[in-house]
C-alpha atoms as a PDB file:
ATOM      1  CA  MET A   1     110.820 132.319 100.369  1.00  0.00           C
ATOM      2  CA  ASN A   2     114.189 132.525  98.504  1.00  0.00           C
ATOM      3  CA  TYR A   3     114.720 132.298  94.844  1.00  0.00           C
ATOM      4  CA  GLN A   4     115.618 128.531  94.816  1.00  0.00           C
ATOM      5  CA  GLN A   5     112.562 127.751  97.001  1.00  0.00           C
ATOM      6  CA  ARG A   6     110.370 129.383  94.526  1.00  0.00           C
ATOM      7  CA  ARG A   7     112.125 127.842  91.445  1.00  0.00           C
ATOM      8  CA  ARG A   8     111.511 124.577  93.019  1.00  0.00           C
ATOM      9  CA  LEU A   9     107.787 125.204  93.919  1.00  0.00           C
ATOM     10  CA  GLN A  10     107.188 126.616  90.169  1.00  0.00           C
ATOM     11  CA  ALA A  11     108.751 123.381  88.894  1.00  0.00           C
ATOM     12  CA  GLY A  12     106.801 121.238  91.058  1.00  0.00           C
ATOM     13  CA  GLU A  13     103.421 122.827  89.674  1.00  0.00           C
ATOM     14  CA  THR A  14     104.489 122.840  86.133  1.00  0.00           C
ATOM     15  CA  ARG A  15     105.486 119.007  86.422  1.00  0.00           C
ATOM     16  CA  LYS A  16     102.093 118.386  88.334  1.00  0.00           C
ATOM     17  CA  ALA A  17     100.037 120.487  85.520  1.00  0.00           C
ATOM     18  CA  ILE A  18     101.928 118.492  82.901  1.00  0.00           C
ATOM     19  CA  LEU A  19     100.632 115.068  84.514  1.00  0.00           C
ATOM     20  CA  GLU A  20      97.212 116.195  85.071  1.00  0.00           C
ATOM     21  CA  ALA A  21      96.958 117.514  81.364  1.00  0.00           C
ATOM     22  CA  ALA A  22      98.514 114.367  79.832  1.00  0.00           C
ATOM     23  CA  ALA A  23      95.690 112.277  82.345  1.00  0.00           C
ATOM     24  CA  HIS A  24      92.625 114.283  81.380  1.00  0.00           C
ATOM     25  CA  LEU A  25      93.550 114.301  77.346  1.00  0.00           C
ATOM     26  CA  SER A  26      94.391 110.654  77.851  1.00  0.00           C
ATOM     27  CA  ARG A  27      90.703 109.966  79.050  1.00  0.00           C
ATOM     28  CA  GLN A  28      89.222 112.252  76.467  1.00  0.00           C
ATOM     29  CA  GLY A  29      90.618 110.470  73.339  1.00  0.00           C
ATOM     30  CA  GLY A  30      93.180 107.950  74.303  1.00  0.00           C
ATOM     31  CA  PHE A  31      97.174 108.029  75.233  1.00  0.00           C
ATOM     32  CA  ASP A  32      98.135 106.923  71.889  1.00  0.00           C
ATOM     33  CA  LYS A  33      96.279 109.961  70.100  1.00  0.00           C
ATOM     34  CA  MET A  34      97.549 112.776  72.124  1.00  0.00           C
ATOM     35  CA  THR A  35     100.493 114.594  71.434  1.00  0.00           C
ATOM     36  CA  ILE A  36     103.220 116.266  73.469  1.00  0.00           C
ATOM     37  CA  ARG A  37     101.945 119.698  71.692  1.00  0.00           C
ATOM     38  CA  ASP A  38      98.291 118.702  73.153  1.00  0.00           C
ATOM     39  CA  ILE A  39      99.414 118.018  76.702  1.00  0.00           C
ATOM     40  CA  CYS A  40     101.576 121.471  76.607  1.00  0.00           C
ATOM     41  CA  SER A  41      98.560 123.534  75.309  1.00  0.00           C
ATOM     42  CA  ALA A  42      96.199 121.602  78.134  1.00  0.00           C
ATOM     43  CA  ALA A  43      98.859 122.414  80.775  1.00  0.00           C
ATOM     44  CA  GLY A  44      99.688 126.047  79.468  1.00  0.00           C
ATOM     45  CA  VAL A  45     103.444 124.975  79.543  1.00  0.00           C
ATOM     46  CA  THR A  46     106.033 125.360  76.811  1.00  0.00           C
ATOM     47  CA  THR A  47     107.315 122.125  75.060  1.00  0.00           C
ATOM     48  CA  GLY A  48     111.142 123.239  76.509  1.00  0.00           C
ATOM     49  CA  ALA A  49     109.165 122.996  80.017  1.00  0.00           C
ATOM     50  CA  PHE A  50     107.759 119.585  79.042  1.00  0.00           C
ATOM     51  CA  TYR A  51     111.223 118.414  78.032  1.00  0.00           C
ATOM     52  CA  HIS A  52     112.827 119.618  81.072  1.00  0.00           C
ATOM     53  CA  HIS A  53     110.547 117.126  83.164  1.00  0.00           C
ATOM     54  CA  PHE A  54     109.779 114.459  80.552  1.00  0.00           C
ATOM     55  CA  SER A  55     112.325 112.821  78.240  1.00  0.00           C
ATOM     56  CA  SER A  56     109.195 111.384  75.821  1.00  0.00           C
ATOM     57  CA  LYS A  57     105.488 111.018  76.055  1.00  0.00           C
ATOM     58  CA  GLU A  58     105.966 107.774  77.129  1.00  0.00           C
ATOM     59  CA  ASP A  59     108.154 108.915  80.373  1.00  0.00           C
ATOM     60  CA  LEU A  60     104.712 110.224  81.386  1.00  0.00           C
ATOM     61  CA  LEU A  61     103.817 106.457  81.893  1.00  0.00           C
ATOM     62  CA  THR A  62     106.980 105.732  83.737  1.00  0.00           C
ATOM     63  CA  GLN A  63     106.089 108.554  86.092  1.00  0.00           C
ATOM     64  CA  GLY A  64     102.259 108.583  85.577  1.00  0.00           C
ATOM     65  CA  PHE A  65     100.748 107.514  88.966  1.00  0.00           C
ATOM     66  CA  ALA A  66     102.117 110.614  90.929  1.00  0.00           C
ATOM     67  CA  SER A  67      99.289 112.020  89.298  1.00  0.00           C
ATOM     68  CA  LEU A  68      96.898 109.080  91.186  1.00  0.00           C
ATOM     69  CA  ASP A  69      98.576 110.159  94.281  1.00  0.00           C
ATOM     70  CA  SER A  70      97.743 114.065  93.728  1.00  0.00           C
ATOM     71  CA  PHE A  71      94.338 112.939  92.813  1.00  0.00           C
ATOM     72  CA  LEU A  72      93.699 111.001  96.098  1.00  0.00           C
ATOM     73  CA  LEU A  73      95.413 113.563  98.132  1.00  0.00           C
ATOM     74  CA  GLU A  74      92.812 116.479  96.756  1.00  0.00           C
ATOM     75  CA  LYS A  75      89.790 114.504  97.013  1.00  0.00           C
ATOM     76  CA  LEU A  76      90.375 112.591 100.275  1.00  0.00           C
ATOM     77  CA  THR A  77      91.003 115.712 102.153  1.00  0.00           C
ATOM     78  CA  PRO A  78      87.249 116.308 102.743  1.00  0.00           C
ATOM     79  CA  TYR A  79      87.356 112.999 104.689  1.00  0.00           C
ATOM     80  CA  ARG A  80      90.236 113.819 106.929  1.00  0.00           C
ATOM     81  CA  ASP A  81      88.360 113.706 110.090  1.00  0.00           C
ATOM     82  CA  ASN A  82      85.786 110.831 109.180  1.00  0.00           C
ATOM     83  CA  PRO A  83      86.052 107.437 110.991  1.00  0.00           C
ATOM     84  CA  PRO A  84      88.881 105.242 109.183  1.00  0.00           C
ATOM     85  CA  LEU A  85      86.653 102.543 107.887  1.00  0.00           C
ATOM     86  CA  ASP A  86      84.609 105.598 105.769  1.00  0.00           C
ATOM     87  CA  ARG A  87      88.230 106.814 104.688  1.00  0.00           C
ATOM     88  CA  LEU A  88      89.324 103.503 103.744  1.00  0.00           C
ATOM     89  CA  GLU A  89      86.187 103.087 101.746  1.00  0.00           C
ATOM     90  CA  ALA A  90      86.545 106.640 100.310  1.00  0.00           C
ATOM     91  CA  LEU A  91      90.060 105.828  98.947  1.00  0.00           C
ATOM     92  CA  LEU A  92      89.123 102.584  97.353  1.00  0.00           C
ATOM     93  CA  THR A  93      85.888 104.435  95.658  1.00  0.00           C
ATOM     94  CA  LEU A  94      88.283 107.192  94.581  1.00  0.00           C
ATOM     95  CA  TYR A  95      91.043 104.758  93.537  1.00  0.00           C
ATOM     96  CA  ALA A  96      88.407 102.811  91.245  1.00  0.00           C
ATOM     97  CA  GLN A  97      87.069 106.063  90.191  1.00  0.00           C
ATOM     98  CA  TYR A  98      90.537 107.346  89.048  1.00  0.00           C
ATOM     99  CA  MET A  99      91.580 104.146  87.024  1.00  0.00           C
ATOM    100  CA  GLU A 100      87.904 104.041  85.317  1.00  0.00           C
ATOM    101  CA  ASP A 101      88.597 107.638  84.229  1.00  0.00           C
ATOM    102  CA  LEU A 102      91.881 106.701  83.045  1.00  0.00           C
ATOM    103  CA  GLY A 103      90.500 103.974  80.863  1.00  0.00           C
ATOM    104  CA  TRP A 104      91.730 100.616  80.801  1.00  0.00           C
ATOM    105  CA  GLU A 105      93.593 100.855  77.640  1.00  0.00           C
ATOM    106  CA  THR A 106      95.817 103.778  79.231  1.00  0.00           C
ATOM    107  CA  ALA A 107      96.159 102.068  82.482  1.00  0.00           C
ATOM    108  CA  ALA A 108      97.571  98.820  80.349  1.00  0.00           C
ATOM    109  CA  LEU A 109     100.018 101.102  78.772  1.00  0.00           C
ATOM    110  CA  TYR A 110     100.944 102.456  82.497  1.00  0.00           C
ATOM    111  CA  TYR A 111     101.676  98.951  83.482  1.00  0.00           C
ATOM    112  CA  GLY A 112     103.229  97.902  80.582  1.00  0.00           C
ATOM    113  CA  GLN A 113     105.762 100.676  80.719  1.00  0.00           C
ATOM    114  CA  ARG A 114     106.125 100.364  84.656  1.00  0.00           C
ATOM    115  CA  LEU A 115     107.215  96.622  84.443  1.00  0.00           C
ATOM    116  CA  ALA A 116     109.665  97.264  81.430  1.00  0.00           C
ATOM    117  CA  HIS A 117     111.407  99.975  83.512  1.00  0.00           C
ATOM    118  CA  PRO A 118     114.364  99.074  85.120  1.00  0.00           C
ATOM    119  CA  ASN A 119     113.157 100.873  88.407  1.00  0.00           C
ATOM    120  CA  ALA A 120     109.463  99.430  88.567  1.00  0.00           C
ATOM    121  CA  SER A 121     109.314  99.037  92.213  1.00  0.00           C
ATOM    122  CA  ALA A 122     109.335 102.783  92.642  1.00  0.00           C
ATOM    123  CA  SER A 123     105.679 102.684  92.177  1.00  0.00           C
ATOM    124  CA  LEU A 124     105.372 100.353  95.383  1.00  0.00           C
ATOM    125  CA  ALA A 125     107.542 103.152  97.220  1.00  0.00           C
ATOM    126  CA  PRO A 126     106.090 103.107 100.945  1.00  0.00           C
ATOM    127  CA  ASP A 127     106.200 106.921 100.877  1.00  0.00           C
ATOM    128  CA  ARG A 128     103.535 107.118  98.078  1.00  0.00           C
ATOM    129  CA  TYR A 129     100.237 108.958  99.266  1.00  0.00           C
ATOM    130  CA  THR A 130      98.076 106.183  98.354  1.00  0.00           C
ATOM    131  CA  LEU A 131      99.547 103.371 100.483  1.00  0.00           C
ATOM    132  CA  ARG A 132     100.512 105.936 103.434  1.00  0.00           C
ATOM    133  CA  SER A 133      96.740 106.860 103.547  1.00  0.00           C
ATOM    134  CA  MET A 134      95.715 103.064 103.415  1.00  0.00           C
ATOM    135  CA  LEU A 135      98.112 102.585 106.525  1.00  0.00           C
ATOM    136  CA  GLU A 136      96.730 105.415 108.391  1.00  0.00           C
ATOM    137  CA  CYS A 137      93.184 104.139 108.228  1.00  0.00           C
ATOM    138  CA  LEU A 138      94.619 100.708 109.379  1.00  0.00           C
ATOM    139  CA  THR A 139      96.682 102.073 111.806  1.00  0.00           C
ATOM    140  CA  ASP A 140      93.866 103.820 113.474  1.00  0.00           C
ATOM    141  CA  LEU A 141      91.625 100.497 113.167  1.00  0.00           C
ATOM    142  CA  ALA A 142      94.180  98.617 114.939  1.00  0.00           C
ATOM    143  CA  ARG A 143      94.486 101.610 117.731  1.00  0.00           C
ATOM    144  CA  GLU A 144      90.529 100.960 117.906  1.00  0.00           C
ATOM    145  CA  GLY A 145      90.967  97.121 118.300  1.00  0.00           C
ATOM    146  CA  VAL A 146      88.849  96.658 115.131  1.00  0.00           C
ATOM    147  CA  LEU A 147      91.550  95.165 113.081  1.00  0.00           C
ATOM    148  CA  SER A 148      92.809  91.915 113.957  1.00  0.00           C
ATOM    149  CA  ARG A 149      95.901  91.647 116.163  1.00  0.00           C
ATOM    150  CA  SER A 150      97.163  88.754 114.043  1.00  0.00           C
ATOM    151  CA  PHE A 151      97.840  91.289 111.270  1.00  0.00           C
ATOM    152  CA  SER A 152     100.117  94.327 111.469  1.00  0.00           C
ATOM    153  CA  PRO A 153      98.710  97.564 109.844  1.00  0.00           C
ATOM    154  CA  GLU A 154     101.829  97.844 107.620  1.00  0.00           C
ATOM    155  CA  TRP A 155     101.044  93.989 106.551  1.00  0.00           C
ATOM    156  CA  THR A 156      97.491  94.650 105.646  1.00  0.00           C
ATOM    157  CA  ALA A 157      98.239  98.008 103.978  1.00  0.00           C
ATOM    158  CA  GLU A 158     100.548  96.461 101.692  1.00  0.00           C
ATOM    159  CA  PHE A 159      98.084  93.333 101.149  1.00  0.00           C
ATOM    160  CA  PHE A 160      95.325  95.401 100.191  1.00  0.00           C
ATOM    161  CA  PHE A 161      97.557  97.381  97.902  1.00  0.00           C
ATOM    162  CA  ARG A 162      98.855  94.246  96.193  1.00  0.00           C
ATOM    163  CA  HIS A 163      95.521  92.742  96.012  1.00  0.00           C
ATOM    164  CA  PHE A 164      93.582  96.054  94.692  1.00  0.00           C
ATOM    165  CA  ARG A 165      96.554  96.336  91.887  1.00  0.00           C
ATOM    166  CA  GLY A 166      95.949  92.812  90.724  1.00  0.00           C
ATOM    167  CA  THR A 167      92.249  93.770  90.693  1.00  0.00           C
ATOM    168  CA  VAL A 168      92.930  96.614  88.154  1.00  0.00           C
ATOM    169  CA  ILE A 169      95.342  94.348  86.395  1.00  0.00           C
ATOM    170  CA  ASP A 170      92.156  91.930  85.834  1.00  0.00           C
ATOM    171  CA  TRP A 171      90.043  94.642  85.066  1.00  0.00           C
ATOM    172  CA  ILE A 172      92.290  95.760  82.275  1.00  0.00           C
ATOM    173  CA  LEU A 173      92.793  92.281  81.472  1.00  0.00           C
ATOM    174  CA  HIS A 174      88.937  91.960  80.568  1.00  0.00           C
ATOM    175  CA  GLN A 175      89.219  95.291  78.972  1.00  0.00           C
ATOM    176  CA  GLY A 176      87.182  97.251  81.184  1.00  0.00           C
ATOM    177  CA  SER A 177      84.286  94.988  80.735  1.00  0.00           C
ATOM    178  CA  TYR A 178      82.884  95.549  84.334  1.00  0.00           C
ATOM    179  CA  PRO A 179      82.630  98.293  86.785  1.00  0.00           C
ATOM    180  CA  LEU A 180      85.931  98.251  88.935  1.00  0.00           C
ATOM    181  CA  TRP A 181      84.268  99.873  91.955  1.00  0.00           C
ATOM    182  CA  ASP A 182      81.753  96.780  91.931  1.00  0.00           C
ATOM    183  CA  LYS A 183      84.562  94.387  92.196  1.00  0.00           C
ATOM    184  CA  LEU A 184      86.553  96.211  94.664  1.00  0.00           C
ATOM    185  CA  SER A 185      83.563  96.712  96.905  1.00  0.00           C
ATOM    186  CA  GLN A 186      83.008  93.088  96.856  1.00  0.00           C
ATOM    187  CA  ASP A 187      86.302  92.120  97.790  1.00  0.00           C
ATOM    188  CA  TYR A 188      86.628  94.673 100.357  1.00  0.00           C
ATOM    189  CA  ALA A 189      83.386  93.533 102.105  1.00  0.00           C
ATOM    190  CA  LEU A 190      85.176  90.386 102.295  1.00  0.00           C
ATOM    191  CA  PHE A 191      88.387  91.463 103.628  1.00  0.00           C
ATOM    192  CA  GLU A 192      86.560  93.900 106.260  1.00  0.00           C
ATOM    193  CA  GLN A 193      85.092  90.769 107.827  1.00  0.00           C
ATOM    194  CA  ALA A 194      88.314  88.760 107.219  1.00  0.00           C
ATOM    195  CA  PHE A 195      90.733  91.093 109.014  1.00  0.00           C
ATOM    196  CA  ARG A 196      88.385  92.023 112.025  1.00  0.00           C
ATOM    197  CA  ASP A 197      89.331  91.211 115.616  1.00  0.00           C
END
């Protein structure tokens, strides 16, 4: 590995550490209460390193769901060889867990920041791990003849992603007053029947 490759790897690890520390602190005490100094201390980085990656604390919200993708990548690894329905349920369970751990207040701040950002559609990028993982499960189900031929795996993945994002927004509007996974699992059970062949 040459010098530039090592620097890129180190920069990626620093950025990930900052996002994870911010998510952890936000879950503990709320986004508004934490400071950049708190985040840097928890991440084990300097404030200069923070400002190299993010222009402000609010910028963390603009880029925030990169940590969701990292969380899911790590947590779904043990499920890699499981049947696609098991992997899909694990994905949705972990998605709900991440959001509930983040807290409705921080999730609300994130969505507000995303909607105000001129590049809001970046959170819908097809190369995001969350969407790719869902698509892989649905592609496997289509290959097994479980997913209805009336719906392509790509269309179904985008539909699920839109719907479950909407469920999170409903949960935020209700100030986290109900368990998110309970609602998602009810919807998932309905969809599982509707999209079967």
